[in-house]
Amino acid sequence: MYMNLKQNKILALALIEEFNPDNPFLTDDEDIQSRLNSLYNACLTNLARQKRIEKTFVFDNRTETEDTYYEEFDLPSDLYMIRDVVIQDQETNSIKEIQSDWYRLKKQIYINSQVKGTAILIYYAYPKEIKDDEDDEKYKFDIDRDIQYVLPYAVASDILKSDRSVDYTAFENKYRTELSSLNPNKEEMQVHVSGGLNI
């Protein structure tokens, strides 16, 4: 079952024995209340580098020309790293043997309009940011289900790191152990297109 942010916070706070079900902030500790969303953002970003969030983005309304022309497009705002840009045949939906010709400059990507078809960006994304006024029950994680259950240990460890009277290493070690047991990145399915390429 996928968790929302509230359910994940309950686990993290229960681990460090700071969970109060009667408090709308889930804990009576005001310091934890003020830092919790920021800690979640930091831990999520770190986890997304360990086990990446793969997304696709279609570049609509491309110009098609006979001459070489590199058309400019904005990249998705949540882009962390480009994996590939593929061209899909509009009639057969197959991936073309002749792949896109592209380059990136800062927040823009330039795609050669001589290559006909639908240009699809395959990329790794940053996780959705948790805002200070986030509705915890509506926030849905875009990390995989297995990593959602590792996240509370990372957050619990980070909460306790600033408290010198508490040993946070048990949570840190549990987090590291669970993380190492996961496949760091999703296995990329190999699809062979006859006369084409593997993606």
C-alpha atoms as a PDB file:
ATOM      1  CA  MET A   1       0.000   0.000   0.000  1.00  0.00           C
ATOM      2  CA  TYR A   2       1.300   3.449  -0.906  1.00  0.00           C
ATOM      3  CA  MET A   3       1.492   5.900   1.968  1.00  0.00           C
ATOM      4  CA  ASN A   4       0.630   9.542   2.146  1.00  0.00           C
ATOM      5  CA  LEU A   5       2.874  11.970   4.026  1.00  0.00           C
ATOM      6  CA  LYS A   6       0.866  11.791   7.251  1.00  0.00           C
ATOM      7  CA  GLN A   7       1.188   8.011   7.450  1.00  0.00           C
ATOM      8  CA  ASN A   8       4.921   8.257   6.852  1.00  0.00           C
ATOM      9  CA  LYS A   9       5.333  10.943   9.508  1.00  0.00           C
ATOM     10  CA  ILE A  10       3.478   8.761  12.003  1.00  0.00           C
ATOM     11  CA  LEU A  11       6.014   5.981  11.433  1.00  0.00           C
ATOM     12  CA  ALA A  12       8.999   8.331  11.758  1.00  0.00           C
ATOM     13  CA  LEU A  13       7.687   9.942  14.944  1.00  0.00           C
ATOM     14  CA  ALA A  14       6.676   6.595  16.435  1.00  0.00           C
ATOM     15  CA  LEU A  15      10.221   5.318  15.922  1.00  0.00           C
ATOM     16  CA  ILE A  16      11.613   8.090  18.137  1.00  0.00           C
ATOM     17  CA  GLU A  17       8.645   7.940  20.543  1.00  0.00           C
ATOM     18  CA  GLU A  18       7.467  11.469  19.721  1.00  0.00           C
ATOM     19  CA  PHE A  19       4.121  10.599  18.117  1.00  0.00           C
ATOM     20  CA  ASN A  20       0.981  12.090  19.647  1.00  0.00           C
ATOM     21  CA  PRO A  21      -2.216  11.115  17.773  1.00  0.00           C
ATOM     22  CA  ASP A  22      -4.187  13.886  19.520  1.00  0.00           C
ATOM     23  CA  ASN A  23      -1.935  16.673  18.247  1.00  0.00           C
ATOM     24  CA  PRO A  24      -2.746  17.980  14.726  1.00  0.00           C
ATOM     25  CA  PHE A  25       1.031  18.274  14.155  1.00  0.00           C
ATOM     26  CA  LEU A  26       1.411  14.618  15.270  1.00  0.00           C
ATOM     27  CA  THR A  27       3.978  15.587  17.916  1.00  0.00           C
ATOM     28  CA  ASP A  28       4.146  17.887  20.944  1.00  0.00           C
ATOM     29  CA  ASP A  29       7.768  18.803  20.258  1.00  0.00           C
ATOM     30  CA  GLU A  30       7.695  22.262  18.666  1.00  0.00           C
ATOM     31  CA  ASP A  31      11.271  21.985  17.385  1.00  0.00           C
ATOM     32  CA  ILE A  32      10.409  18.790  15.513  1.00  0.00           C
ATOM     33  CA  GLN A  33       7.217  20.393  14.206  1.00  0.00           C
ATOM     34  CA  SER A  34       9.151  23.297  12.702  1.00  0.00           C
ATOM     35  CA  ARG A  35      11.851  21.111  11.098  1.00  0.00           C
ATOM     36  CA  LEU A  36       9.917  18.046   9.980  1.00  0.00           C
ATOM     37  CA  ASN A  37       8.958  19.070   6.427  1.00  0.00           C
ATOM     38  CA  SER A  38      12.456  20.386   5.721  1.00  0.00           C
ATOM     39  CA  LEU A  39      13.973  17.129   6.957  1.00  0.00           C
ATOM     40  CA  TYR A  40      11.600  15.163   4.752  1.00  0.00           C
ATOM     41  CA  ASN A  41      12.626  17.233   1.718  1.00  0.00           C
ATOM     42  CA  ALA A  42      16.318  16.632   2.408  1.00  0.00           C
ATOM     43  CA  CYS A  43      15.855  12.887   2.941  1.00  0.00           C
ATOM     44  CA  LEU A  44      13.632  12.529  -0.138  1.00  0.00           C
ATOM     45  CA  THR A  45      16.179  14.281  -2.347  1.00  0.00           C
ATOM     46  CA  ASN A  46      18.949  12.057  -1.046  1.00  0.00           C
ATOM     47  CA  LEU A  47      16.879   8.907  -1.586  1.00  0.00           C
ATOM     48  CA  ALA A  48      15.947  10.001  -5.111  1.00  0.00           C
ATOM     49  CA  ARG A  49      19.649  10.057  -5.970  1.00  0.00           C
ATOM     50  CA  GLN A  50      20.033   6.533  -4.583  1.00  0.00           C
ATOM     51  CA  LYS A  51      16.932   5.064  -6.216  1.00  0.00           C
ATOM     52  CA  ARG A  52      15.904   7.324  -9.037  1.00  0.00           C
ATOM     53  CA  ILE A  53      12.432   8.487  -9.985  1.00  0.00           C
ATOM     54  CA  GLU A  54      12.016   7.839 -13.693  1.00  0.00           C
ATOM     55  CA  LYS A  55       9.580   9.966 -15.694  1.00  0.00           C
ATOM     56  CA  THR A  56       8.809  10.783 -19.306  1.00  0.00           C
ATOM     57  CA  PHE A  57       7.965  14.067 -20.965  1.00  0.00           C
ATOM     58  CA  VAL A  58       6.610  14.502 -24.507  1.00  0.00           C
ATOM     59  CA  PHE A  59       7.701  17.489 -26.572  1.00  0.00           C
ATOM     60  CA  ASP A  60       4.482  18.493 -28.318  1.00  0.00           C
ATOM     61  CA  ASN A  61       4.100  20.545 -31.510  1.00  0.00           C
ATOM     62  CA  ARG A  62       7.577  19.931 -32.839  1.00  0.00           C
ATOM     63  CA  THR A  63       8.585  21.538 -36.121  1.00  0.00           C
ATOM     64  CA  GLU A  64       9.664  19.085 -38.822  1.00  0.00           C
ATOM     65  CA  THR A  65      12.130  20.371 -41.413  1.00  0.00           C
ATOM     66  CA  GLU A  66      14.267  18.966 -44.194  1.00  0.00           C
ATOM     67  CA  ASP A  67      17.204  21.122 -43.173  1.00  0.00           C
ATOM     68  CA  THR A  68      19.120  20.890 -39.935  1.00  0.00           C
ATOM     69  CA  TYR A  69      17.412  23.067 -37.335  1.00  0.00           C
ATOM     70  CA  TYR A  70      17.651  22.688 -33.579  1.00  0.00           C
ATOM     71  CA  GLU A  71      14.349  23.612 -32.002  1.00  0.00           C
ATOM     72  CA  GLU A  72      14.409  24.896 -28.434  1.00  0.00           C
ATOM     73  CA  PHE A  73      12.252  23.408 -25.659  1.00  0.00           C
ATOM     74  CA  ASP A  74      12.039  24.008 -21.917  1.00  0.00           C
ATOM     75  CA  LEU A  75      13.006  21.094 -19.724  1.00  0.00           C
ATOM     76  CA  PRO A  76      10.665  19.855 -16.966  1.00  0.00           C
ATOM     77  CA  SER A  77      11.110  21.808 -13.737  1.00  0.00           C
ATOM     78  CA  ASP A  78      11.658  18.616 -11.712  1.00  0.00           C
ATOM     79  CA  LEU A  79      14.457  17.281 -13.946  1.00  0.00           C
ATOM     80  CA  TYR A  80      17.455  15.864 -12.094  1.00  0.00           C
ATOM     81  CA  MET A  81      19.212  14.061 -14.933  1.00  0.00           C
ATOM     82  CA  ILE A  82      18.483  13.215 -18.573  1.00  0.00           C
ATOM     83  CA  ARG A  83      18.551   9.507 -19.366  1.00  0.00           C
ATOM     84  CA  ASP A  84      17.688   9.727 -23.068  1.00  0.00           C
ATOM     85  CA  VAL A  85      15.590  11.344 -25.764  1.00  0.00           C
ATOM     86  CA  VAL A  86      13.869   8.845 -28.056  1.00  0.00           C
ATOM     87  CA  ILE A  87      11.803   9.295 -31.182  1.00  0.00           C
ATOM     88  CA  GLN A  88       8.515   7.407 -31.484  1.00  0.00           C
ATOM     89  CA  ASP A  89       6.973   6.757 -34.878  1.00  0.00           C
ATOM     90  CA  GLN A  90       3.557   8.422 -34.935  1.00  0.00           C
ATOM     91  CA  GLU A  91       1.937   5.670 -37.017  1.00  0.00           C
ATOM     92  CA  THR A  92       3.329   2.495 -35.464  1.00  0.00           C
ATOM     93  CA  ASN A  93       4.298   3.771 -31.964  1.00  0.00           C
ATOM     94  CA  SER A  94       7.643   2.011 -32.378  1.00  0.00           C
ATOM     95  CA  ILE A  95      10.909   3.601 -31.329  1.00  0.00           C
ATOM     96  CA  LYS A  96      12.810   4.685 -34.406  1.00  0.00           C
ATOM     97  CA  GLU A  97      16.191   3.273 -35.297  1.00  0.00           C
ATOM     98  CA  ILE A  98      17.451   6.774 -36.028  1.00  0.00           C
ATOM     99  CA  GLN A  99      17.418   8.423 -32.661  1.00  0.00           C
ATOM    100  CA  SER A 100      17.053  12.060 -31.864  1.00  0.00           C
ATOM    101  CA  ASP A 101      19.892  14.482 -32.323  1.00  0.00           C
ATOM    102  CA  TRP A 102      19.874  16.837 -29.359  1.00  0.00           C
ATOM    103  CA  TYR A 103      21.925  18.823 -26.916  1.00  0.00           C
ATOM    104  CA  ARG A 104      21.265  20.631 -23.656  1.00  0.00           C
ATOM    105  CA  LEU A 105      22.126  24.166 -22.578  1.00  0.00           C
ATOM    106  CA  LYS A 106      21.178  24.927 -18.975  1.00  0.00           C
ATOM    107  CA  LYS A 107      17.361  24.669 -18.681  1.00  0.00           C
ATOM    108  CA  GLN A 108      16.721  24.225 -22.402  1.00  0.00           C
ATOM    109  CA  ILE A 109      17.040  21.281 -24.721  1.00  0.00           C
ATOM    110  CA  TYR A 110      17.571  21.614 -28.479  1.00  0.00           C
ATOM    111  CA  ILE A 111      16.244  18.840 -30.740  1.00  0.00           C
ATOM    112  CA  ASN A 112      17.065  18.468 -34.432  1.00  0.00           C
ATOM    113  CA  SER A 113      13.817  18.874 -36.362  1.00  0.00           C
ATOM    114  CA  GLN A 114      15.103  16.725 -39.247  1.00  0.00           C
ATOM    115  CA  VAL A 115      14.348  13.610 -37.194  1.00  0.00           C
ATOM    116  CA  LYS A 116      10.609  13.016 -37.696  1.00  0.00           C
ATOM    117  CA  GLY A 117       8.313  11.625 -35.017  1.00  0.00           C
ATOM    118  CA  THR A 118       7.332  12.254 -31.416  1.00  0.00           C
ATOM    119  CA  ALA A 119      10.280  13.256 -29.234  1.00  0.00           C
ATOM    120  CA  ILE A 120      10.062  11.751 -25.740  1.00  0.00           C
ATOM    121  CA  LEU A 121      12.370  12.736 -22.919  1.00  0.00           C
ATOM    122  CA  ILE A 122      13.192   9.936 -20.477  1.00  0.00           C
ATOM    123  CA  TYR A 123      14.594  11.497 -17.326  1.00  0.00           C
ATOM    124  CA  TYR A 124      15.208  11.134 -13.636  1.00  0.00           C
ATOM    125  CA  ALA A 125      13.259  13.567 -11.471  1.00  0.00           C
ATOM    126  CA  TYR A 126      13.618  15.287  -8.148  1.00  0.00           C
ATOM    127  CA  PRO A 127      10.831  14.346  -5.715  1.00  0.00           C
ATOM    128  CA  LYS A 128       7.889  16.668  -5.215  1.00  0.00           C
ATOM    129  CA  GLU A 129       8.773  19.338  -2.678  1.00  0.00           C
ATOM    130  CA  ILE A 130       6.898  19.295   0.607  1.00  0.00           C
ATOM    131  CA  LYS A 131       5.781  22.832   1.367  1.00  0.00           C
ATOM    132  CA  ASP A 132       5.506  24.310   4.861  1.00  0.00           C
ATOM    133  CA  ASP A 133       1.710  24.351   4.604  1.00  0.00           C
ATOM    134  CA  GLU A 134       1.446  20.962   2.876  1.00  0.00           C
ATOM    135  CA  ASP A 135      -1.707  18.919   3.408  1.00  0.00           C
ATOM    136  CA  ASP A 136      -0.104  15.734   4.724  1.00  0.00           C
ATOM    137  CA  GLU A 137      -3.054  13.536   3.796  1.00  0.00           C
ATOM    138  CA  LYS A 138      -3.132  14.748   0.186  1.00  0.00           C
ATOM    139  CA  TYR A 139       0.608  14.578  -0.452  1.00  0.00           C
ATOM    140  CA  LYS A 140       1.450  11.408  -2.380  1.00  0.00           C
ATOM    141  CA  PHE A 141       5.053  10.276  -2.726  1.00  0.00           C
ATOM    142  CA  ASP A 142       6.531   9.752  -6.177  1.00  0.00           C
ATOM    143  CA  ILE A 143       9.204   7.435  -4.795  1.00  0.00           C
ATOM    144  CA  ASP A 144       8.682   3.676  -5.037  1.00  0.00           C
ATOM    145  CA  ARG A 145       6.739   1.798  -2.400  1.00  0.00           C
ATOM    146  CA  ASP A 146       9.792  -0.022  -1.025  1.00  0.00           C
ATOM    147  CA  ILE A 147      11.699   3.217  -0.489  1.00  0.00           C
ATOM    148  CA  GLN A 148       8.711   4.776   1.294  1.00  0.00           C
ATOM    149  CA  TYR A 149       9.288   2.315   4.141  1.00  0.00           C
ATOM    150  CA  VAL A 150      12.968   3.251   4.355  1.00  0.00           C
ATOM    151  CA  LEU A 151      12.217   6.979   4.526  1.00  0.00           C
ATOM    152  CA  PRO A 152      10.988   7.058   8.187  1.00  0.00           C
ATOM    153  CA  TYR A 153      14.350   5.687   9.378  1.00  0.00           C
ATOM    154  CA  ALA A 154      16.223   8.392   7.473  1.00  0.00           C
ATOM    155  CA  VAL A 155      13.982  11.101   8.930  1.00  0.00           C
ATOM    156  CA  ALA A 156      14.161   9.648  12.471  1.00  0.00           C
ATOM    157  CA  SER A 157      17.945   9.614  12.268  1.00  0.00           C
ATOM    158  CA  ASP A 158      18.092  13.226  11.056  1.00  0.00           C
ATOM    159  CA  ILE A 159      15.689  14.413  13.780  1.00  0.00           C
ATOM    160  CA  LEU A 160      17.899  12.946  16.489  1.00  0.00           C
ATOM    161  CA  LYS A 161      21.245  14.078  15.051  1.00  0.00           C
ATOM    162  CA  SER A 162      20.832  17.528  16.616  1.00  0.00           C
ATOM    163  CA  ASP A 163      20.109  16.033  20.058  1.00  0.00           C
ATOM    164  CA  ARG A 164      23.462  15.215  21.645  1.00  0.00           C
ATOM    165  CA  SER A 165      21.804  13.331  24.488  1.00  0.00           C
ATOM    166  CA  VAL A 166      20.366  10.711  22.128  1.00  0.00           C
ATOM    167  CA  ASP A 167      22.154   8.055  20.093  1.00  0.00           C
ATOM    168  CA  TYR A 168      20.779   8.297  16.562  1.00  0.00           C
ATOM    169  CA  THR A 169      23.110   5.659  15.103  1.00  0.00           C
ATOM    170  CA  ALA A 170      20.626   2.795  15.486  1.00  0.00           C
ATOM    171  CA  PHE A 171      18.243   4.541  13.090  1.00  0.00           C
ATOM    172  CA  GLU A 172      21.096   5.583  10.810  1.00  0.00           C
ATOM    173  CA  ASN A 173      22.356   1.986  10.631  1.00  0.00           C
ATOM    174  CA  LYS A 174      18.870   0.611  10.012  1.00  0.00           C
ATOM    175  CA  TYR A 175      18.396   3.168   7.220  1.00  0.00           C
ATOM    176  CA  ARG A 176      21.741   2.247   5.612  1.00  0.00           C
ATOM    177  CA  THR A 177      21.047  -1.474   5.888  1.00  0.00           C
ATOM    178  CA  GLU A 178      17.581  -1.220   4.361  1.00  0.00           C
ATOM    179  CA  LEU A 179      18.837   1.079   1.609  1.00  0.00           C
ATOM    180  CA  SER A 180      21.655  -1.268   0.656  1.00  0.00           C
ATOM    181  CA  SER A 181      19.205  -4.174   0.396  1.00  0.00           C
ATOM    182  CA  LEU A 182      17.219  -2.351  -2.278  1.00  0.00           C
ATOM    183  CA  ASN A 183      18.090  -2.273  -5.920  1.00  0.00           C
ATOM    184  CA  PRO A 184      19.593   1.263  -6.166  1.00  0.00           C
ATOM    185  CA  ASN A 185      17.848   1.996  -9.445  1.00  0.00           C
ATOM    186  CA  LYS A 186      14.866   0.506 -11.181  1.00  0.00           C
ATOM    187  CA  GLU A 187      15.824  -2.197 -13.587  1.00  0.00           C
ATOM    188  CA  GLU A 188      15.386  -0.816 -17.033  1.00  0.00           C
ATOM    189  CA  MET A 189      13.271  -3.117 -19.144  1.00  0.00           C
ATOM    190  CA  GLN A 190      14.950  -4.087 -22.403  1.00  0.00           C
ATOM    191  CA  VAL A 191      12.626  -3.798 -25.371  1.00  0.00           C
ATOM    192  CA  HIS A 192      13.928  -4.892 -28.748  1.00  0.00           C
ATOM    193  CA  VAL A 193      12.485  -3.143 -31.755  1.00  0.00           C
ATOM    194  CA  SER A 194      13.008  -5.150 -34.917  1.00  0.00           C
ATOM    195  CA  GLY A 195      15.577  -3.348 -36.992  1.00  0.00           C
ATOM    196  CA  GLY A 196      15.853  -0.771 -34.232  1.00  0.00           C
ATOM    197  CA  LEU A 197      17.564  -0.377 -30.906  1.00  0.00           C
ATOM    198  CA  ASN A 198      17.287  -1.496 -27.320  1.00  0.00           C
ATOM    199  CA  ILE A 199      15.916   0.910 -24.756  1.00  0.00           C
END
